[in-house]
Amino acid sequence: MANASLAALTKKTLFLVAVASARRRSCLHALSTKQNHIRFEGHGVRMVPDPSFIAKNQTLTFLPGDIFIPEIKTMSSVAEDKRWCPVRALKWYLNKTEKLRQSTSLFIIPRPPYAAASKDTLSRWLVEIIRPFTSGTSRPRAHDVRGVAASTALFAGIPIEDILKAAAWKTPTTFVACYLTDTLQPKRHLVAR
């Protein structure tokens, strides 16, 4: 990552955080570098969206929690897997953007004036990343990352309660009805490269 362009590092970090958290683009957009909003702790990172952010499904009785992303090394001992660790990518990204930032938004445009990236820009970047791996007639959407991430976690044996908490869903109904995808059939969704 030391030799990666800022644009490539930004997109990689965004994608890995999106996959690891299964959160909406609006929540990713609300992530902040303000003090105590990103805390590296134990074996992962805890991220708290800006307090002004109101989640789509937030109610008086349901408040989506902060985001905790564990380091890959807590789940895999394969050395090459560390390249895909969202915590590692986030550390690199924060270090590389520290002196460039003109905004407290986590994700910034990777060129001067280094302003906050909009929700639409985050969506465009996610689509740019996943487009080469999709096939079929439907166009890929940034929101697809959320469904595939949660579905992959479910089929990998992650308890549904953990997935609901991570993705900030109140009940499994929304996940099953709107987001559950057949990630066990990759040939139907992915083009071999």
N, C-alpha and C. Protein backbone atom coordinates (compact mmCIF):
# COMPACT_ATOMS: atom_id res chain seq x y z
N MET A 1 0.81 -1.19 0.00
CA MET A 1 0.00 0.00 0.00
C MET A 1 0.85 1.26 0.00
N ALA A 2 2.10 1.09 0.36
CA ALA A 2 2.99 2.25 0.40
C ALA A 2 3.13 2.91 -0.97
N ASN A 3 3.05 2.13 -2.05
CA ASN A 3 3.22 2.66 -3.39
C ASN A 3 1.90 2.94 -4.10
N ALA A 4 0.79 2.66 -3.46
CA ALA A 4 -0.51 2.86 -4.08
C ALA A 4 -0.82 4.35 -4.19
N SER A 5 -1.51 4.72 -5.25
CA SER A 5 -1.94 6.10 -5.39
C SER A 5 -2.99 6.39 -4.32
N LEU A 6 -3.19 7.65 -4.01
CA LEU A 6 -4.20 8.01 -3.02
C LEU A 6 -5.59 7.59 -3.50
N ALA A 7 -5.85 7.70 -4.79
CA ALA A 7 -7.14 7.29 -5.34
C ALA A 7 -7.36 5.79 -5.12
N ALA A 8 -6.36 4.98 -5.42
CA ALA A 8 -6.48 3.53 -5.24
C ALA A 8 -6.64 3.17 -3.76
N LEU A 9 -5.87 3.82 -2.89
CA LEU A 9 -5.97 3.55 -1.46
C LEU A 9 -7.34 3.96 -0.92
N THR A 10 -7.85 5.08 -1.39
CA THR A 10 -9.17 5.55 -0.95
C THR A 10 -10.25 4.54 -1.32
N LYS A 11 -10.24 4.10 -2.57
CA LYS A 11 -11.26 3.15 -3.04
C LYS A 11 -11.12 1.80 -2.35
N LYS A 12 -9.90 1.33 -2.15
CA LYS A 12 -9.70 0.06 -1.47
C LYS A 12 -10.21 0.14 -0.04
N THR A 13 -9.88 1.21 0.65
CA THR A 13 -10.32 1.38 2.04
C THR A 13 -11.83 1.45 2.11
N LEU A 14 -12.44 2.23 1.24
CA LEU A 14 -13.90 2.34 1.19
C LEU A 14 -14.53 0.97 0.98
N PHE A 15 -14.04 0.24 -0.01
CA PHE A 15 -14.61 -1.08 -0.31
C PHE A 15 -14.47 -2.03 0.87
N LEU A 16 -13.29 -2.09 1.48
CA LEU A 16 -13.08 -3.02 2.59
C LEU A 16 -13.92 -2.65 3.81
N VAL A 17 -14.06 -1.36 4.08
CA VAL A 17 -14.91 -0.93 5.19
C VAL A 17 -16.38 -1.24 4.87
N ALA A 18 -16.79 -1.03 3.62
CA ALA A 18 -18.17 -1.33 3.22
C ALA A 18 -18.47 -2.81 3.36
N VAL A 19 -17.56 -3.65 2.91
CA VAL A 19 -17.77 -5.10 2.99
C VAL A 19 -17.76 -5.56 4.45
N ALA A 20 -16.81 -5.07 5.22
CA ALA A 20 -16.68 -5.52 6.62
C ALA A 20 -17.83 -5.03 7.50
N SER A 21 -18.41 -3.89 7.16
CA SER A 21 -19.47 -3.34 8.01
C SER A 21 -20.87 -3.63 7.49
N ALA A 22 -21.03 -3.87 6.19
CA ALA A 22 -22.33 -4.06 5.55
C ALA A 22 -23.27 -2.89 5.83
N ARG A 23 -22.71 -1.69 5.90
CA ARG A 23 -23.52 -0.50 6.16
C ARG A 23 -23.87 0.22 4.86
N ARG A 24 -24.92 1.02 4.93
CA ARG A 24 -25.36 1.82 3.79
C ARG A 24 -24.33 2.90 3.46
N ARG A 25 -24.41 3.40 2.24
CA ARG A 25 -23.49 4.47 1.84
C ARG A 25 -23.68 5.70 2.70
N SER A 26 -24.89 5.96 3.16
CA SER A 26 -25.14 7.13 4.01
C SER A 26 -24.37 7.02 5.32
N CYS A 27 -24.27 5.82 5.87
CA CYS A 27 -23.50 5.62 7.11
C CYS A 27 -22.01 5.75 6.82
N LEU A 28 -21.55 5.19 5.71
CA LEU A 28 -20.14 5.32 5.34
C LEU A 28 -19.79 6.79 5.13
N HIS A 29 -20.71 7.54 4.56
CA HIS A 29 -20.51 8.97 4.34
C HIS A 29 -20.44 9.72 5.67
N ALA A 30 -21.14 9.23 6.67
CA ALA A 30 -21.19 9.90 7.98
C ALA A 30 -19.99 9.58 8.88
N LEU A 31 -19.11 8.69 8.43
CA LEU A 31 -17.93 8.37 9.24
C LEU A 31 -17.02 9.58 9.31
N SER A 32 -16.48 9.80 10.48
CA SER A 32 -15.75 11.04 10.75
C SER A 32 -14.38 10.77 11.35
N THR A 33 -13.48 11.71 11.10
CA THR A 33 -12.15 11.64 11.72
C THR A 33 -12.07 12.53 12.96
N LYS A 34 -13.21 13.06 13.40
CA LYS A 34 -13.22 13.85 14.63
C LYS A 34 -12.69 13.00 15.77
N GLN A 35 -12.20 13.66 16.81
CA GLN A 35 -11.61 12.95 17.94
C GLN A 35 -12.59 11.92 18.51
N ASN A 36 -12.08 10.73 18.74
CA ASN A 36 -12.81 9.58 19.30
C ASN A 36 -13.85 8.97 18.37
N HIS A 37 -13.91 9.40 17.13
CA HIS A 37 -14.85 8.78 16.19
C HIS A 37 -14.24 7.57 15.50
N ILE A 38 -12.92 7.47 15.51
CA ILE A 38 -12.22 6.28 15.03
C ILE A 38 -11.26 5.88 16.13
N ARG A 39 -11.51 4.69 16.69
CA ARG A 39 -10.67 4.23 17.80
C ARG A 39 -10.13 2.83 17.49
N PHE A 40 -8.81 2.74 17.42
CA PHE A 40 -8.18 1.44 17.23
C PHE A 40 -8.06 0.82 18.61
N GLU A 41 -8.68 -0.33 18.78
CA GLU A 41 -8.71 -0.96 20.09
C GLU A 41 -8.51 -2.47 19.94
N GLY A 42 -7.84 -3.04 20.88
CA GLY A 42 -7.64 -4.49 20.88
C GLY A 42 -7.25 -5.03 19.52
N HIS A 43 -8.16 -5.75 18.94
CA HIS A 43 -7.90 -6.39 17.65
C HIS A 43 -8.84 -5.87 16.57
N GLY A 44 -9.03 -4.55 16.54
CA GLY A 44 -9.90 -4.00 15.51
C GLY A 44 -10.03 -2.50 15.63
N VAL A 45 -11.04 -1.99 14.97
CA VAL A 45 -11.31 -0.55 14.99
C VAL A 45 -12.80 -0.33 15.25
N ARG A 46 -13.09 0.66 16.05
CA ARG A 46 -14.46 1.08 16.32
C ARG A 46 -14.65 2.45 15.67
N MET A 47 -15.71 2.56 14.88
CA MET A 47 -16.00 3.82 14.19
C MET A 47 -17.40 4.29 14.57
N VAL A 48 -17.49 5.56 14.88
CA VAL A 48 -18.75 6.16 15.30
C VAL A 48 -19.12 7.21 14.25
N PRO A 49 -20.28 7.05 13.60
CA PRO A 49 -20.70 8.07 12.64
C PRO A 49 -20.91 9.42 13.33
N ASP A 50 -20.84 10.48 12.55
CA ASP A 50 -21.08 11.82 13.06
C ASP A 50 -22.42 11.85 13.78
N PRO A 51 -22.51 12.50 14.95
CA PRO A 51 -23.75 12.50 15.72
C PRO A 51 -24.94 13.12 14.99
N SER A 52 -24.71 13.94 13.99
CA SER A 52 -25.82 14.53 13.24
C SER A 52 -26.44 13.53 12.25
N PHE A 53 -25.79 12.41 12.04
CA PHE A 53 -26.28 11.40 11.11
C PHE A 53 -27.50 10.67 11.69
N ILE A 54 -28.55 10.58 10.90
CA ILE A 54 -29.73 9.81 11.28
C ILE A 54 -29.89 8.70 10.26
N ALA A 55 -29.78 7.47 10.74
CA ALA A 55 -29.88 6.32 9.84
C ALA A 55 -31.29 6.18 9.29
N LYS A 56 -31.40 5.58 8.12
CA LYS A 56 -32.68 5.40 7.44
C LYS A 56 -33.68 4.66 8.32
N ASN A 57 -33.21 3.68 9.08
CA ASN A 57 -34.10 2.87 9.89
C ASN A 57 -34.06 3.24 11.38
N GLN A 58 -33.51 4.36 11.69
CA GLN A 58 -33.40 4.79 13.09
C GLN A 58 -34.77 5.24 13.61
N THR A 59 -35.11 4.79 14.80
CA THR A 59 -36.36 5.19 15.45
C THR A 59 -36.07 5.49 16.91
N LEU A 60 -37.10 5.87 17.64
CA LEU A 60 -36.93 6.12 19.07
C LEU A 60 -36.54 4.84 19.80
N THR A 61 -36.95 3.69 19.28
CA THR A 61 -36.65 2.42 19.94
C THR A 61 -35.51 1.64 19.30
N PHE A 62 -34.99 2.15 18.17
CA PHE A 62 -33.87 1.46 17.52
C PHE A 62 -32.84 2.47 17.05
N LEU A 63 -31.68 2.40 17.63
CA LEU A 63 -30.56 3.27 17.26
C LEU A 63 -29.41 2.39 16.79
N PRO A 64 -29.09 2.45 15.48
CA PRO A 64 -27.97 1.64 15.01
C PRO A 64 -26.70 1.97 15.79
N GLY A 65 -25.98 0.97 16.19
CA GLY A 65 -24.78 1.18 16.99
C GLY A 65 -23.59 1.61 16.16
N ASP A 66 -22.49 1.76 16.84
CA ASP A 66 -21.25 2.09 16.15
C ASP A 66 -20.80 0.86 15.36
N ILE A 67 -19.74 1.03 14.62
CA ILE A 67 -19.22 -0.04 13.77
C ILE A 67 -17.95 -0.58 14.39
N PHE A 68 -17.88 -1.89 14.58
CA PHE A 68 -16.62 -2.50 15.01
C PHE A 68 -16.19 -3.46 13.92
N ILE A 69 -14.97 -3.28 13.45
CA ILE A 69 -14.40 -4.15 12.43
C ILE A 69 -13.16 -4.82 13.00
N PRO A 70 -13.18 -6.15 13.10
CA PRO A 70 -12.00 -6.85 13.62
C PRO A 70 -10.90 -6.93 12.57
N GLU A 71 -9.69 -7.07 13.04
CA GLU A 71 -8.56 -7.26 12.13
C GLU A 71 -8.66 -8.65 11.52
N ILE A 72 -8.20 -8.80 10.30
CA ILE A 72 -8.21 -10.09 9.61
C ILE A 72 -7.43 -11.13 10.41
N LYS A 73 -6.33 -10.71 11.05
CA LYS A 73 -5.49 -11.69 11.74
C LYS A 73 -6.22 -12.38 12.89
N THR A 74 -7.34 -11.82 13.34
CA THR A 74 -8.12 -12.49 14.38
C THR A 74 -8.94 -13.63 13.80
N MET A 75 -9.06 -13.67 12.46
CA MET A 75 -9.87 -14.70 11.80
C MET A 75 -9.08 -15.59 10.86
N SER A 76 -7.87 -15.18 10.48
CA SER A 76 -7.09 -15.94 9.52
C SER A 76 -5.60 -15.86 9.86
N SER A 77 -4.94 -16.97 9.72
CA SER A 77 -3.49 -16.99 9.95
C SER A 77 -2.72 -16.98 8.62
N VAL A 78 -3.43 -16.87 7.51
CA VAL A 78 -2.80 -16.83 6.20
C VAL A 78 -2.18 -15.44 6.00
N ALA A 79 -0.87 -15.41 5.77
CA ALA A 79 -0.15 -14.14 5.68
C ALA A 79 -0.69 -13.22 4.59
N GLU A 80 -1.06 -13.78 3.43
CA GLU A 80 -1.55 -12.96 2.33
C GLU A 80 -2.88 -12.29 2.62
N ASP A 81 -3.63 -12.83 3.58
CA ASP A 81 -4.94 -12.25 3.90
C ASP A 81 -4.83 -10.84 4.46
N LYS A 82 -3.68 -10.51 5.03
CA LYS A 82 -3.54 -9.18 5.63
C LYS A 82 -3.70 -8.07 4.59
N ARG A 83 -3.47 -8.39 3.31
CA ARG A 83 -3.66 -7.39 2.25
C ARG A 83 -5.12 -6.96 2.16
N TRP A 84 -6.02 -7.79 2.66
CA TRP A 84 -7.46 -7.51 2.57
C TRP A 84 -8.04 -7.07 3.91
N CYS A 85 -7.19 -6.71 4.84
CA CYS A 85 -7.66 -6.30 6.17
C CYS A 85 -8.15 -4.85 6.13
N PRO A 86 -9.43 -4.62 6.44
CA PRO A 86 -9.94 -3.24 6.42
C PRO A 86 -9.29 -2.37 7.49
N VAL A 87 -8.90 -2.97 8.61
CA VAL A 87 -8.26 -2.19 9.68
C VAL A 87 -6.89 -1.70 9.21
N ARG A 88 -6.14 -2.56 8.58
CA ARG A 88 -4.82 -2.19 8.04
C ARG A 88 -4.97 -1.11 6.98
N ALA A 89 -5.93 -1.29 6.06
CA ALA A 89 -6.15 -0.30 5.01
C ALA A 89 -6.54 1.05 5.61
N LEU A 90 -7.38 1.02 6.63
CA LEU A 90 -7.82 2.26 7.27
C LEU A 90 -6.64 2.99 7.91
N LYS A 91 -5.75 2.25 8.57
CA LYS A 91 -4.56 2.88 9.17
C LYS A 91 -3.71 3.55 8.10
N TRP A 92 -3.47 2.85 6.98
CA TRP A 92 -2.69 3.41 5.89
C TRP A 92 -3.37 4.66 5.34
N TYR A 93 -4.68 4.56 5.14
CA TYR A 93 -5.43 5.67 4.56
C TYR A 93 -5.40 6.90 5.46
N LEU A 94 -5.62 6.71 6.75
CA LEU A 94 -5.59 7.84 7.68
C LEU A 94 -4.21 8.49 7.73
N ASN A 95 -3.18 7.66 7.71
CA ASN A 95 -1.82 8.18 7.74
C ASN A 95 -1.52 8.99 6.47
N LYS A 96 -1.94 8.45 5.32
CA LYS A 96 -1.63 9.11 4.05
C LYS A 96 -2.43 10.39 3.85
N THR A 97 -3.61 10.50 4.46
CA THR A 97 -4.47 11.68 4.26
C THR A 97 -4.38 12.69 5.41
N GLU A 98 -3.67 12.36 6.46
CA GLU A 98 -3.64 13.20 7.66
C GLU A 98 -3.32 14.67 7.36
N LYS A 99 -2.30 14.91 6.58
CA LYS A 99 -1.87 16.29 6.32
C LYS A 99 -2.58 16.93 5.13
N LEU A 100 -3.37 16.15 4.43
CA LEU A 100 -4.06 16.66 3.24
C LEU A 100 -5.49 17.12 3.53
N ARG A 101 -6.08 16.60 4.57
CA ARG A 101 -7.50 16.78 4.85
C ARG A 101 -7.93 18.23 5.00
N GLN A 102 -9.05 18.53 4.36
CA GLN A 102 -9.71 19.82 4.54
C GLN A 102 -11.08 19.60 5.17
N SER A 103 -11.32 18.36 5.61
CA SER A 103 -12.63 17.96 6.11
C SER A 103 -12.45 16.90 7.19
N THR A 104 -13.43 16.78 8.06
CA THR A 104 -13.39 15.71 9.06
C THR A 104 -14.12 14.46 8.57
N SER A 105 -14.67 14.49 7.35
CA SER A 105 -15.26 13.29 6.77
C SER A 105 -14.16 12.28 6.54
N LEU A 106 -14.45 11.02 6.84
CA LEU A 106 -13.43 9.99 6.66
C LEU A 106 -12.97 9.91 5.21
N PHE A 107 -13.92 9.81 4.29
CA PHE A 107 -13.55 9.63 2.89
C PHE A 107 -13.52 10.98 2.17
N ILE A 108 -12.36 11.26 1.60
CA ILE A 108 -12.16 12.54 0.92
C ILE A 108 -11.81 12.30 -0.54
N ILE A 109 -12.02 13.33 -1.34
CA ILE A 109 -11.64 13.29 -2.75
C ILE A 109 -10.11 13.22 -2.80
N PRO A 110 -9.54 12.29 -3.58
CA PRO A 110 -8.08 12.10 -3.57
C PRO A 110 -7.29 13.08 -4.42
N ARG A 111 -7.74 14.30 -4.49
CA ARG A 111 -7.00 15.36 -5.22
C ARG A 111 -7.38 16.69 -4.58
N PRO A 112 -6.54 17.70 -4.77
CA PRO A 112 -6.85 19.00 -4.16
C PRO A 112 -8.23 19.47 -4.59
N PRO A 113 -9.00 20.03 -3.71
CA PRO A 113 -8.66 20.50 -2.36
C PRO A 113 -8.90 19.46 -1.27
N TYR A 114 -9.01 18.18 -1.62
CA TYR A 114 -9.16 17.09 -0.64
C TYR A 114 -10.40 17.29 0.24
N ALA A 115 -11.48 17.68 -0.38
CA ALA A 115 -12.74 17.91 0.33
C ALA A 115 -13.45 16.58 0.58
N ALA A 116 -14.49 16.64 1.37
CA ALA A 116 -15.28 15.45 1.68
C ALA A 116 -15.88 14.87 0.40
N ALA A 117 -15.84 13.55 0.28
CA ALA A 117 -16.48 12.88 -0.84
C ALA A 117 -17.98 12.82 -0.56
N SER A 118 -18.79 13.05 -1.57
CA SER A 118 -20.25 13.01 -1.41
C SER A 118 -20.74 11.56 -1.36
N LYS A 119 -21.99 11.37 -0.97
CA LYS A 119 -22.59 10.03 -0.98
C LYS A 119 -22.58 9.46 -2.39
N ASP A 120 -22.89 10.30 -3.37
CA ASP A 120 -22.89 9.82 -4.76
C ASP A 120 -21.50 9.41 -5.22
N THR A 121 -20.48 10.12 -4.78
CA THR A 121 -19.11 9.76 -5.13
C THR A 121 -18.74 8.41 -4.50
N LEU A 122 -19.12 8.20 -3.25
CA LEU A 122 -18.86 6.90 -2.60
C LEU A 122 -19.54 5.78 -3.38
N SER A 123 -20.77 6.01 -3.79
CA SER A 123 -21.50 5.00 -4.58
C SER A 123 -20.79 4.73 -5.90
N ARG A 124 -20.38 5.79 -6.57
CA ARG A 124 -19.70 5.63 -7.87
C ARG A 124 -18.41 4.82 -7.69
N TRP A 125 -17.64 5.12 -6.65
CA TRP A 125 -16.40 4.37 -6.42
C TRP A 125 -16.68 2.90 -6.16
N LEU A 126 -17.70 2.60 -5.36
CA LEU A 126 -18.02 1.19 -5.09
C LEU A 126 -18.44 0.47 -6.37
N VAL A 127 -19.23 1.12 -7.19
CA VAL A 127 -19.65 0.51 -8.45
C VAL A 127 -18.44 0.29 -9.36
N GLU A 128 -17.52 1.24 -9.42
CA GLU A 128 -16.31 1.07 -10.22
C GLU A 128 -15.53 -0.16 -9.78
N ILE A 129 -15.52 -0.43 -8.49
CA ILE A 129 -14.78 -1.57 -7.95
C ILE A 129 -15.47 -2.88 -8.29
N ILE A 130 -16.80 -2.95 -8.15
CA ILE A 130 -17.50 -4.23 -8.33
C ILE A 130 -17.90 -4.51 -9.77
N ARG A 131 -17.98 -3.48 -10.62
CA ARG A 131 -18.44 -3.67 -12.00
C ARG A 131 -17.68 -4.76 -12.75
N PRO A 132 -16.35 -4.82 -12.68
CA PRO A 132 -15.64 -5.86 -13.44
C PRO A 132 -15.97 -7.29 -13.00
N PHE A 133 -16.58 -7.45 -11.84
CA PHE A 133 -16.85 -8.78 -11.31
C PHE A 133 -18.32 -9.16 -11.40
N THR A 134 -19.10 -8.37 -12.09
CA THR A 134 -20.52 -8.68 -12.23
C THR A 134 -20.84 -9.03 -13.66
N SER A 135 -21.90 -9.77 -13.83
CA SER A 135 -22.35 -10.12 -15.17
C SER A 135 -23.87 -10.08 -15.17
N GLY A 136 -24.45 -10.28 -16.32
CA GLY A 136 -25.90 -10.25 -16.41
C GLY A 136 -26.39 -8.92 -16.92
N THR A 137 -27.69 -8.77 -16.93
CA THR A 137 -28.29 -7.58 -17.51
C THR A 137 -28.46 -6.45 -16.51
N SER A 138 -28.52 -6.76 -15.25
CA SER A 138 -28.72 -5.68 -14.27
C SER A 138 -27.40 -4.97 -13.99
N ARG A 139 -27.52 -3.66 -13.84
CA ARG A 139 -26.33 -2.85 -13.56
C ARG A 139 -25.98 -2.98 -12.08
N PRO A 140 -24.70 -3.07 -11.76
CA PRO A 140 -24.32 -3.15 -10.34
C PRO A 140 -24.63 -1.84 -9.63
N ARG A 141 -24.98 -1.95 -8.36
CA ARG A 141 -25.24 -0.78 -7.53
C ARG A 141 -24.35 -0.87 -6.30
N ALA A 142 -24.00 0.25 -5.74
CA ALA A 142 -23.19 0.27 -4.52
C ALA A 142 -23.87 -0.50 -3.41
N HIS A 143 -25.19 -0.42 -3.39
CA HIS A 143 -25.98 -1.09 -2.35
C HIS A 143 -25.82 -2.62 -2.41
N ASP A 144 -25.42 -3.16 -3.57
CA ASP A 144 -25.21 -4.59 -3.72
C ASP A 144 -24.13 -5.10 -2.78
N VAL A 145 -23.15 -4.26 -2.47
CA VAL A 145 -22.06 -4.66 -1.59
C VAL A 145 -22.63 -5.07 -0.23
N ARG A 146 -23.61 -4.35 0.25
CA ARG A 146 -24.24 -4.61 1.54
C ARG A 146 -24.88 -6.00 1.58
N GLY A 147 -25.63 -6.34 0.56
CA GLY A 147 -26.30 -7.63 0.51
C GLY A 147 -25.33 -8.79 0.36
N VAL A 148 -24.36 -8.64 -0.52
CA VAL A 148 -23.38 -9.71 -0.73
C VAL A 148 -22.53 -9.92 0.53
N ALA A 149 -22.13 -8.83 1.18
CA ALA A 149 -21.32 -8.95 2.40
C ALA A 149 -22.09 -9.70 3.49
N ALA A 150 -23.34 -9.31 3.71
CA ALA A 150 -24.14 -9.96 4.75
C ALA A 150 -24.46 -11.41 4.39
N SER A 151 -24.77 -11.67 3.13
CA SER A 151 -25.07 -13.03 2.69
C SER A 151 -23.85 -13.93 2.82
N THR A 152 -22.70 -13.42 2.41
CA THR A 152 -21.46 -14.20 2.52
C THR A 152 -21.18 -14.53 3.98
N ALA A 153 -21.39 -13.58 4.86
CA ALA A 153 -21.19 -13.82 6.29
C ALA A 153 -22.13 -14.92 6.79
N LEU A 154 -23.39 -14.86 6.38
CA LEU A 154 -24.36 -15.87 6.81
C LEU A 154 -23.94 -17.26 6.35
N PHE A 155 -23.57 -17.37 5.06
CA PHE A 155 -23.19 -18.69 4.53
C PHE A 155 -21.84 -19.17 5.07
N ALA A 156 -21.06 -18.25 5.65
CA ALA A 156 -19.78 -18.63 6.29
C ALA A 156 -20.00 -19.07 7.74
N GLY A 157 -21.24 -19.00 8.21
CA GLY A 157 -21.54 -19.48 9.55
C GLY A 157 -21.61 -18.40 10.63
N ILE A 158 -21.57 -17.15 10.24
CA ILE A 158 -21.68 -16.06 11.22
C ILE A 158 -23.13 -16.05 11.71
N PRO A 159 -23.34 -15.99 13.02
CA PRO A 159 -24.72 -15.97 13.54
C PRO A 159 -25.52 -14.78 13.02
N ILE A 160 -26.78 -15.03 12.70
CA ILE A 160 -27.65 -13.99 12.15
C ILE A 160 -27.73 -12.78 13.06
N GLU A 161 -27.67 -12.97 14.37
CA GLU A 161 -27.72 -11.85 15.32
C GLU A 161 -26.52 -10.93 15.12
N ASP A 162 -25.35 -11.50 14.88
CA ASP A 162 -24.14 -10.70 14.65
C ASP A 162 -24.23 -9.92 13.34
N ILE A 163 -24.82 -10.54 12.33
CA ILE A 163 -24.97 -9.88 11.03
C ILE A 163 -25.96 -8.72 11.16
N LEU A 164 -27.07 -8.95 11.84
CA LEU A 164 -28.07 -7.90 12.03
C LEU A 164 -27.47 -6.71 12.77
N LYS A 165 -26.68 -7.00 13.79
CA LYS A 165 -26.06 -5.92 14.57
C LYS A 165 -25.06 -5.15 13.71
N ALA A 166 -24.21 -5.88 12.99
CA ALA A 166 -23.19 -5.22 12.16
C ALA A 166 -23.82 -4.35 11.07
N ALA A 167 -24.85 -4.87 10.42
CA ALA A 167 -25.48 -4.15 9.31
C ALA A 167 -26.55 -3.16 9.78
N ALA A 168 -26.83 -3.14 11.07
CA ALA A 168 -27.83 -2.23 11.66
C ALA A 168 -29.24 -2.51 11.14
N TRP A 169 -29.60 -3.79 11.12
CA TRP A 169 -30.97 -4.17 10.80
C TRP A 169 -31.68 -4.53 12.08
N LYS A 170 -32.95 -4.13 12.21
CA LYS A 170 -33.73 -4.42 13.42
C LYS A 170 -34.14 -5.88 13.49
N THR A 171 -34.55 -6.43 12.37
CA THR A 171 -35.05 -7.81 12.33
C THR A 171 -34.47 -8.52 11.13
N PRO A 172 -34.48 -9.85 11.15
CA PRO A 172 -33.97 -10.60 10.00
C PRO A 172 -34.87 -10.47 8.76
N THR A 173 -36.09 -10.01 8.92
CA THR A 173 -37.02 -9.91 7.80
C THR A 173 -36.46 -9.05 6.67
N THR A 174 -35.93 -7.89 7.00
CA THR A 174 -35.39 -6.99 5.97
C THR A 174 -34.22 -7.65 5.26
N PHE A 175 -33.33 -8.27 6.02
CA PHE A 175 -32.18 -8.94 5.42
C PHE A 175 -32.63 -10.05 4.47
N VAL A 176 -33.50 -10.92 4.92
CA VAL A 176 -33.93 -12.07 4.12
C VAL A 176 -34.73 -11.62 2.90
N ALA A 177 -35.64 -10.67 3.09
CA ALA A 177 -36.51 -10.25 1.99
C ALA A 177 -35.79 -9.39 0.94
N CYS A 178 -34.85 -8.57 1.38
CA CYS A 178 -34.27 -7.57 0.46
C CYS A 178 -32.80 -7.76 0.12
N TYR A 179 -32.05 -8.43 0.97
CA TYR A 179 -30.59 -8.45 0.79
C TYR A 179 -29.97 -9.83 0.61
N LEU A 180 -30.63 -10.87 1.06
CA LEU A 180 -30.05 -12.21 0.99
C LEU A 180 -29.84 -12.60 -0.47
N THR A 181 -28.60 -12.91 -0.81
CA THR A 181 -28.27 -13.31 -2.17
C THR A 181 -27.59 -14.67 -2.13
N ASP A 182 -27.64 -15.36 -3.24
CA ASP A 182 -27.05 -16.69 -3.33
C ASP A 182 -25.56 -16.57 -3.61
N THR A 183 -24.79 -16.29 -2.58
CA THR A 183 -23.35 -16.13 -2.76
C THR A 183 -22.64 -17.46 -2.95
N LEU A 184 -23.38 -18.56 -2.79
CA LEU A 184 -22.77 -19.87 -3.01
C LEU A 184 -22.68 -20.21 -4.50
N GLN A 185 -23.31 -19.41 -5.35
CA GLN A 185 -23.30 -19.63 -6.78
C GLN A 185 -22.56 -18.48 -7.47
N PRO A 186 -21.25 -18.34 -7.25
CA PRO A 186 -20.52 -17.19 -7.79
C PRO A 186 -20.50 -17.14 -9.30
N LYS A 187 -20.57 -18.27 -10.00
CA LYS A 187 -20.49 -18.25 -11.46
C LYS A 187 -21.67 -17.50 -12.06
N ARG A 188 -22.77 -17.48 -11.35
CA ARG A 188 -23.95 -16.77 -11.85
C ARG A 188 -23.77 -15.26 -11.72
N HIS A 189 -22.98 -14.82 -10.75
CA HIS A 189 -22.83 -13.40 -10.49
C HIS A 189 -21.48 -12.82 -10.92
N LEU A 190 -20.48 -13.65 -11.02
CA LEU A 190 -19.14 -13.15 -11.28
C LEU A 190 -18.62 -13.67 -12.61
N VAL A 191 -17.81 -12.89 -13.22
CA VAL A 191 -17.12 -13.29 -14.44
C VAL A 191 -15.71 -13.70 -14.05
N ALA A 192 -15.27 -14.86 -14.47
CA ALA A 192 -13.91 -15.31 -14.15
C ALA A 192 -12.90 -14.39 -14.82
N ARG A 193 -11.86 -14.08 -14.08
CA ARG A 193 -10.83 -13.18 -14.62
C ARG A 193 -9.50 -13.91 -14.59
